[in-house]
Amino acid sequence: MDWNSLVANSFHAAFGVNAIAYAIAAIGLNIHFGYTGLLNFGQAGFLAVGAYGTAISIVHFDVPYFLAALIGMSMAVLLALLLGLPTLRLRADYLAVATIAAAEIVRLVIGSTVYARWTGGSSGFSGAFSNAFYNANPLPNETLHFGPVSVTPNRAWFMIVGWSLVAVIALLVWLLVRSPWGRILKGIREDEDAVRSLGKNVFARKMQALIIGGVIGSIAGIALVTGERAVLPNVFGTQLTFFFWTLLLLGGVARVLGPVLGAVILWLVFAVTESILRSGASAGWVPEALVSQSQIGLIRVMLVGLGLMLLMIFRPQGIVGDRRELAFDVR
């Protein structure tokens, strides 16, 4: 077992691009479901419009990076309005169907040949749109070393900005949910008819929650494609939203730090299990007839899925969740 490689891979997985973007996206999903009770299965759609709104603004219209990011976030507001106006007066199941369908429509449209001139089609965009972000990097142009972990200047810059952004968003959400507005959201989650009987505008609060969570999702999309320095339509498939749900349930629903903890743990487990399985296969501990190198990626997902099933059985509220507030009892 190459322990140095294991530590380095685990660090980059737990604190890298995916962990940052997924944590932000799950915070937005937590506002939708954890605090308001909205079943959103199309969070990937908000990521897609944020990413493509930013990339298209820069590539085709030469808009400055941070202004382009605002345009991407405004596209998420538009998507939330298009989704919410016809569906938020209905029950949760209809919203779930509408959101998953809308996310797939967004992905198919941006990947189609009809709009390839603007979106790049199935090839998407290269990293030119993210140059302005990395050009603002104040760190010395040399690789940073922390024991077995090596981090390039651009990657270190992204991690500093990314985790600072996670902290700011988490703080803002914490302040929101502790306010009277946040208490109304929790009331809607528990019994929206009771909240309506008190004279509160349930539809308006749901729309506000959908917009705020969607904008946070668009920020996650911008972070994801900026860190990867590429934007591709297939990245924003339905399975992306299911990953957000996984880490949200893992960390704890209706907890501000639950999505953040879930993202770090999920990617850490992915990295550790893959490293152990590959080392075991290379050393001959795992028979080739039982597990081949090409199957290791699938097996690690199976192991994580099994762990999540056990978590839902023995601790349905997640790692830091509260059973009294929200729990998934599958026993």
Protein backbone atom coordinates (compact mmCIF):
# COMPACT_ATOMS: atom_id res chain seq x y z
CA MET A 1 0.00 0.00 0.00
CA ASP A 2 1.38 3.39 -1.09
CA TRP A 3 0.36 5.46 1.93
CA ASN A 4 1.70 8.74 0.52
CA SER A 5 -0.43 8.31 -2.58
CA LEU A 6 -3.43 7.39 -0.44
CA VAL A 7 -3.08 10.53 1.69
CA ALA A 8 -2.59 12.78 -1.34
CA ASN A 9 -5.53 11.33 -3.24
CA SER A 10 -7.75 11.50 -0.17
CA PHE A 11 -6.87 15.15 0.42
CA HIS A 12 -7.61 16.20 -3.15
CA ALA A 13 -10.86 14.21 -3.16
CA ALA A 14 -12.14 15.50 0.20
CA PHE A 15 -11.21 19.15 -0.36
CA GLY A 16 -10.98 19.45 -4.15
CA VAL A 17 -13.22 20.75 -6.91
CA ASN A 18 -15.97 18.15 -6.64
CA ALA A 19 -16.27 18.39 -2.86
CA ILE A 20 -16.58 22.19 -3.05
CA ALA A 21 -19.14 22.22 -5.88
CA TYR A 22 -21.18 19.36 -4.44
CA ALA A 23 -21.26 20.95 -0.99
CA ILE A 24 -22.59 24.22 -2.42
CA ALA A 25 -25.17 22.44 -4.57
CA ALA A 26 -26.38 20.36 -1.60
CA ILE A 27 -26.71 23.49 0.55
CA GLY A 28 -29.12 24.83 -2.07
CA LEU A 29 -30.96 21.49 -2.14
CA ASN A 30 -31.14 21.62 1.66
CA ILE A 31 -33.06 24.89 1.43
CA HIS A 32 -35.49 23.27 -1.00
CA PHE A 33 -36.07 19.99 0.82
CA GLY A 34 -34.54 20.21 4.27
CA TYR A 35 -36.15 23.48 5.30
CA THR A 36 -39.12 23.90 2.93
CA GLY A 37 -40.04 20.32 2.02
CA LEU A 38 -39.79 20.85 -1.76
CA LEU A 39 -38.89 17.65 -3.61
CA ASN A 40 -36.39 18.95 -6.15
CA PHE A 41 -34.92 16.22 -8.34
CA GLY A 42 -33.54 18.67 -10.88
CA GLN A 43 -30.80 20.54 -9.04
CA ALA A 44 -28.45 19.61 -11.87
CA GLY A 45 -30.50 21.89 -14.11
CA PHE A 46 -29.67 24.90 -11.94
CA LEU A 47 -25.99 23.97 -12.10
CA ALA A 48 -26.20 23.72 -15.88
CA VAL A 49 -27.82 27.11 -16.46
CA GLY A 50 -25.35 28.75 -14.09
CA ALA A 51 -22.35 27.15 -15.79
CA TYR A 52 -23.50 27.77 -19.34
CA GLY A 53 -24.82 31.25 -18.63
CA THR A 54 -21.36 32.18 -17.35
CA ALA A 55 -19.40 30.41 -20.10
CA ILE A 56 -21.52 31.74 -22.97
CA SER A 57 -21.33 35.31 -21.62
CA ILE A 58 -17.53 35.14 -21.55
CA VAL A 59 -16.87 33.20 -24.75
CA HIS A 60 -19.37 34.89 -27.06
CA PHE A 61 -19.84 38.33 -25.52
CA ASP A 62 -16.49 38.90 -23.81
CA VAL A 63 -18.16 39.72 -20.49
CA PRO A 64 -15.85 39.97 -17.42
CA TYR A 65 -15.80 36.79 -15.35
CA PHE A 66 -17.59 38.03 -12.23
CA LEU A 67 -20.27 39.85 -14.25
CA ALA A 68 -20.74 36.68 -16.28
CA ALA A 69 -21.20 34.74 -13.03
CA LEU A 70 -24.01 37.13 -12.09
CA ILE A 71 -25.61 36.46 -15.47
CA GLY A 72 -25.38 32.73 -14.78
CA MET A 73 -27.07 33.20 -11.41
CA SER A 74 -29.83 35.30 -13.01
CA MET A 75 -30.49 32.41 -15.40
CA ALA A 76 -31.12 30.23 -12.33
CA VAL A 77 -33.69 32.77 -11.12
CA LEU A 78 -35.43 32.55 -14.48
CA LEU A 79 -35.44 28.74 -14.36
CA ALA A 80 -36.87 28.79 -10.84
CA LEU A 81 -39.67 31.08 -11.95
CA LEU A 82 -40.48 28.90 -14.95
CA LEU A 83 -40.57 25.84 -12.69
CA GLY A 84 -42.29 27.36 -9.71
CA LEU A 85 -45.13 29.37 -11.20
CA PRO A 86 -47.04 26.36 -12.60
CA THR A 87 -46.05 23.74 -9.99
CA LEU A 88 -45.63 25.22 -6.51
CA ARG A 89 -49.38 25.39 -5.93
CA LEU A 90 -49.50 21.62 -6.44
CA ARG A 91 -48.36 18.87 -4.12
CA ALA A 92 -44.77 17.69 -3.80
CA ASP A 93 -44.93 14.83 -6.30
CA TYR A 94 -45.73 17.15 -9.18
CA LEU A 95 -42.77 19.37 -8.38
CA ALA A 96 -40.48 16.31 -8.29
CA VAL A 97 -41.63 15.24 -11.77
CA ALA A 98 -41.39 18.79 -13.13
CA THR A 99 -37.88 19.42 -11.80
CA ILE A 100 -36.36 16.18 -13.06
CA ALA A 101 -37.96 16.75 -16.47
CA ALA A 102 -36.80 20.37 -16.60
CA ALA A 103 -33.22 19.40 -15.76
CA GLU A 104 -33.19 16.83 -18.57
CA ILE A 105 -34.67 19.35 -21.01
CA VAL A 106 -31.94 21.83 -20.11
CA ARG A 107 -29.23 19.20 -20.60
CA LEU A 108 -30.60 18.03 -23.96
CA VAL A 109 -31.05 21.56 -25.27
CA ILE A 110 -27.53 22.73 -24.42
CA GLY A 111 -26.09 19.53 -25.89
CA SER A 112 -28.09 19.59 -29.12
CA THR A 113 -26.67 20.50 -32.52
CA VAL A 114 -29.37 23.16 -33.00
CA TYR A 115 -27.73 25.48 -30.48
CA ALA A 116 -24.18 24.19 -30.88
CA ARG A 117 -23.07 27.58 -32.19
CA TRP A 118 -23.72 29.04 -28.74
CA THR A 119 -23.31 26.10 -26.38
CA GLY A 120 -20.62 24.11 -28.16
CA GLY A 121 -22.98 21.14 -28.49
CA SER A 122 -21.76 17.87 -27.04
CA SER A 123 -18.18 19.22 -27.01
CA GLY A 124 -18.99 22.16 -24.73
CA PHE A 125 -16.33 24.77 -23.99
CA SER A 126 -12.67 24.54 -23.10
CA GLY A 127 -11.03 26.34 -20.19
CA ALA A 128 -10.63 29.75 -21.86
CA PHE A 129 -13.67 31.11 -20.01
CA SER A 130 -12.02 30.52 -16.62
CA ASN A 131 -8.72 32.26 -17.40
CA ALA A 132 -9.78 35.51 -15.74
CA PHE A 133 -10.37 33.71 -12.45
CA TYR A 134 -6.93 32.09 -12.41
CA ASN A 135 -5.22 35.27 -13.66
CA ALA A 136 -6.32 36.90 -10.40
CA ASN A 137 -4.33 34.31 -8.42
CA PRO A 138 -2.00 36.19 -5.99
CA LEU A 139 -0.14 33.05 -4.86
CA PRO A 140 3.53 32.48 -5.86
CA ASN A 141 3.96 30.53 -9.07
CA GLU A 142 5.33 27.40 -7.44
CA THR A 143 3.85 24.11 -6.28
CA LEU A 144 2.97 23.98 -2.60
CA HIS A 145 3.98 20.90 -0.60
CA PHE A 146 2.36 19.70 2.62
CA GLY A 147 4.04 16.40 3.41
CA PRO A 148 2.91 13.91 0.75
CA VAL A 149 0.35 16.38 -0.60
CA SER A 150 1.32 18.65 -3.51
CA VAL A 151 -0.95 21.46 -4.69
CA THR A 152 -0.41 23.62 -7.76
CA PRO A 153 -0.85 27.41 -7.37
CA ASN A 154 -4.06 27.46 -9.44
CA ARG A 155 -5.53 24.53 -7.54
CA ALA A 156 -4.61 26.12 -4.20
CA TRP A 157 -6.20 29.40 -5.32
CA PHE A 158 -9.40 27.62 -6.31
CA MET A 159 -9.56 25.71 -3.02
CA ILE A 160 -9.04 28.88 -0.97
CA VAL A 161 -11.76 30.78 -2.86
CA GLY A 162 -14.04 27.73 -3.05
CA TRP A 163 -14.04 26.86 0.64
CA SER A 164 -14.34 30.53 1.56
CA LEU A 165 -17.42 30.64 -0.64
CA VAL A 166 -18.81 27.52 1.05
CA ALA A 167 -18.30 29.16 4.45
CA VAL A 168 -20.01 32.41 3.37
CA ILE A 169 -23.00 30.59 1.85
CA ALA A 170 -23.35 28.35 4.90
CA LEU A 171 -23.27 31.41 7.18
CA LEU A 172 -25.93 33.20 5.11
CA VAL A 173 -28.16 30.11 5.17
CA TRP A 174 -27.68 29.80 8.94
CA LEU A 175 -28.79 33.40 9.39
CA LEU A 176 -31.77 32.92 7.06
CA VAL A 177 -33.12 29.77 8.70
CA ARG A 178 -32.85 31.32 12.18
CA SER A 179 -34.91 34.33 11.05
CA PRO A 180 -38.73 34.56 11.06
CA TRP A 181 -38.59 33.80 7.32
CA GLY A 182 -36.74 30.57 8.01
CA ARG A 183 -39.21 29.55 10.71
CA ILE A 184 -42.04 29.99 8.21
CA LEU A 185 -40.20 27.68 5.81
CA LYS A 186 -39.98 25.00 8.49
CA GLY A 187 -43.67 25.47 9.19
CA ILE A 188 -44.45 24.94 5.51
CA ARG A 189 -42.39 21.76 5.57
CA GLU A 190 -44.36 20.41 8.52
CA ASP A 191 -47.88 21.57 7.61
CA GLU A 192 -48.40 24.21 4.95
CA ASP A 193 -52.16 24.35 5.58
CA ALA A 194 -51.51 25.42 9.16
CA VAL A 195 -49.13 28.13 7.98
CA ARG A 196 -51.67 29.29 5.42
CA SER A 197 -54.35 29.49 8.11
CA LEU A 198 -52.12 31.97 9.96
CA GLY A 199 -52.32 34.34 6.99
CA LYS A 200 -48.88 33.61 5.55
CA ASN A 201 -48.36 33.54 1.79
CA VAL A 202 -47.17 29.96 1.37
CA PHE A 203 -46.76 30.20 -2.40
CA ALA A 204 -44.52 33.27 -2.13
CA ARG A 205 -42.32 31.63 0.52
CA LYS A 206 -41.98 28.47 -1.58
CA MET A 207 -41.02 30.55 -4.61
CA GLN A 208 -38.44 32.45 -2.59
CA ALA A 209 -36.94 29.20 -1.29
CA LEU A 210 -36.87 27.72 -4.81
CA ILE A 211 -35.10 30.79 -6.18
CA ILE A 212 -32.54 31.02 -3.37
CA GLY A 213 -31.72 27.30 -3.51
CA GLY A 214 -31.54 27.46 -7.31
CA VAL A 215 -29.16 30.43 -7.25
CA ILE A 216 -26.93 28.58 -4.80
CA GLY A 217 -27.06 25.62 -7.19
CA SER A 218 -25.99 27.86 -10.08
CA ILE A 219 -22.99 29.02 -8.01
CA ALA A 220 -22.08 25.35 -7.59
CA GLY A 221 -22.24 24.90 -11.37
CA ILE A 222 -19.98 27.89 -11.92
CA ALA A 223 -17.53 26.57 -9.34
CA LEU A 224 -17.56 23.08 -10.87
CA VAL A 225 -16.75 24.18 -14.43
CA THR A 226 -14.25 26.80 -13.24
CA GLY A 227 -12.37 24.17 -11.26
CA GLU A 228 -12.48 21.64 -14.09
CA ARG A 229 -11.79 24.38 -16.68
CA ALA A 230 -14.34 22.80 -19.04
CA VAL A 231 -18.12 22.74 -19.37
CA LEU A 232 -19.79 19.67 -20.91
CA PRO A 233 -23.54 18.92 -21.10
CA ASN A 234 -23.23 15.28 -20.04
CA VAL A 235 -21.81 16.34 -16.68
CA PHE A 236 -25.24 17.70 -15.71
CA GLY A 237 -27.16 14.43 -15.99
CA THR A 238 -29.80 13.21 -13.56
CA GLN A 239 -27.23 11.18 -11.63
CA LEU A 240 -25.59 14.43 -10.53
CA THR A 241 -28.70 15.41 -8.57
CA PHE A 242 -28.81 11.95 -6.99
CA PHE A 243 -25.24 12.47 -5.75
CA PHE A 244 -26.40 15.69 -4.08
CA TRP A 245 -29.24 13.83 -2.40
CA THR A 246 -26.81 11.15 -1.26
CA LEU A 247 -24.44 13.51 0.49
CA LEU A 248 -27.33 15.55 1.89
CA LEU A 249 -28.82 12.45 3.52
CA LEU A 250 -25.36 11.35 4.60
CA GLY A 251 -24.48 14.58 6.39
CA GLY A 252 -27.92 15.35 7.77
CA VAL A 253 -30.99 17.03 6.33
CA ALA A 254 -32.06 20.42 7.75
CA ARG A 255 -28.60 21.05 9.18
CA VAL A 256 -26.49 23.89 7.77
CA LEU A 257 -23.22 21.95 7.90
CA GLY A 258 -24.81 18.61 6.97
CA PRO A 259 -24.26 19.01 3.20
CA VAL A 260 -20.67 20.19 3.72
CA LEU A 261 -19.82 17.25 5.98
CA GLY A 262 -21.58 14.88 3.59
CA ALA A 263 -19.60 16.14 0.58
CA VAL A 264 -16.24 15.77 2.35
CA ILE A 265 -17.06 12.30 3.67
CA LEU A 266 -18.52 11.05 0.37
CA TRP A 267 -15.49 11.99 -1.72
CA LEU A 268 -13.09 10.87 1.00
CA VAL A 269 -14.73 7.43 1.07
CA PHE A 270 -14.66 7.25 -2.72
CA ALA A 271 -10.93 8.02 -2.78
CA VAL A 272 -9.99 5.67 0.06
CA THR A 273 -12.02 2.70 -1.22
CA GLU A 274 -10.69 3.09 -4.75
CA SER A 275 -7.08 3.34 -3.57
CA ILE A 276 -7.43 0.29 -1.33
CA LEU A 277 -9.15 -1.78 -4.03
CA ARG A 278 -6.58 -0.85 -6.68
CA SER A 279 -3.67 -1.54 -4.33
CA GLY A 280 -5.24 -4.86 -3.38
CA ALA A 281 -5.77 -5.83 -6.99
CA SER A 282 -2.19 -4.86 -7.93
CA ALA A 283 -0.73 -6.79 -4.98
CA GLY A 284 -2.83 -9.84 -5.77
CA TRP A 285 -4.89 -9.64 -2.57
CA VAL A 286 -8.04 -9.44 -4.69
CA PRO A 287 -8.25 -12.17 -7.38
CA GLU A 288 -8.48 -10.85 -10.93
CA ALA A 289 -11.31 -13.32 -11.58
CA LEU A 290 -13.29 -11.72 -8.76
CA VAL A 291 -12.56 -8.04 -9.40
CA SER A 292 -10.85 -6.59 -12.46
CA GLN A 293 -9.24 -3.15 -12.63
CA SER A 294 -12.08 -1.90 -14.85
CA GLN A 295 -14.68 -2.91 -12.24
CA ILE A 296 -13.14 -1.13 -9.27
CA GLY A 297 -14.94 2.13 -9.99
CA LEU A 298 -18.29 0.34 -9.98
CA ILE A 299 -17.50 -1.63 -6.82
CA ARG A 300 -16.61 1.50 -4.85
CA VAL A 301 -20.03 2.95 -5.76
CA MET A 302 -21.68 -0.29 -4.62
CA LEU A 303 -19.83 -0.15 -1.30
CA VAL A 304 -20.82 3.48 -0.74
CA GLY A 305 -24.41 2.60 -1.63
CA LEU A 306 -24.39 -0.26 0.88
CA GLY A 307 -23.03 2.07 3.55
CA LEU A 308 -25.77 4.60 2.79
CA MET A 309 -28.43 1.88 3.08
CA LEU A 310 -27.12 0.89 6.50
CA LEU A 311 -27.03 4.55 7.54
CA MET A 312 -30.69 4.98 6.55
CA ILE A 313 -31.60 1.92 8.60
CA PHE A 314 -29.65 2.65 11.79
CA ARG A 315 -29.33 6.47 11.64
CA PRO A 316 -31.92 7.81 9.18
CA GLN A 317 -31.38 11.43 10.20
CA GLY A 318 -27.79 11.38 8.92
CA ILE A 319 -24.54 11.98 10.75
CA VAL A 320 -25.36 15.37 12.30
CA GLY A 321 -29.12 15.36 11.72
CA ASP A 322 -31.81 15.46 14.39
CA ARG A 323 -34.41 12.67 14.35
CA ARG A 324 -36.92 14.95 16.08
CA GLU A 325 -36.80 17.48 13.24
CA LEU A 326 -36.63 15.31 10.14
CA ALA A 327 -35.92 11.61 9.72
CA PHE A 328 -36.30 8.87 7.13
CA ASP A 329 -37.42 5.80 9.04
CA VAL A 330 -36.99 2.84 6.71
CA ARG A 331 -37.24 0.10 9.34
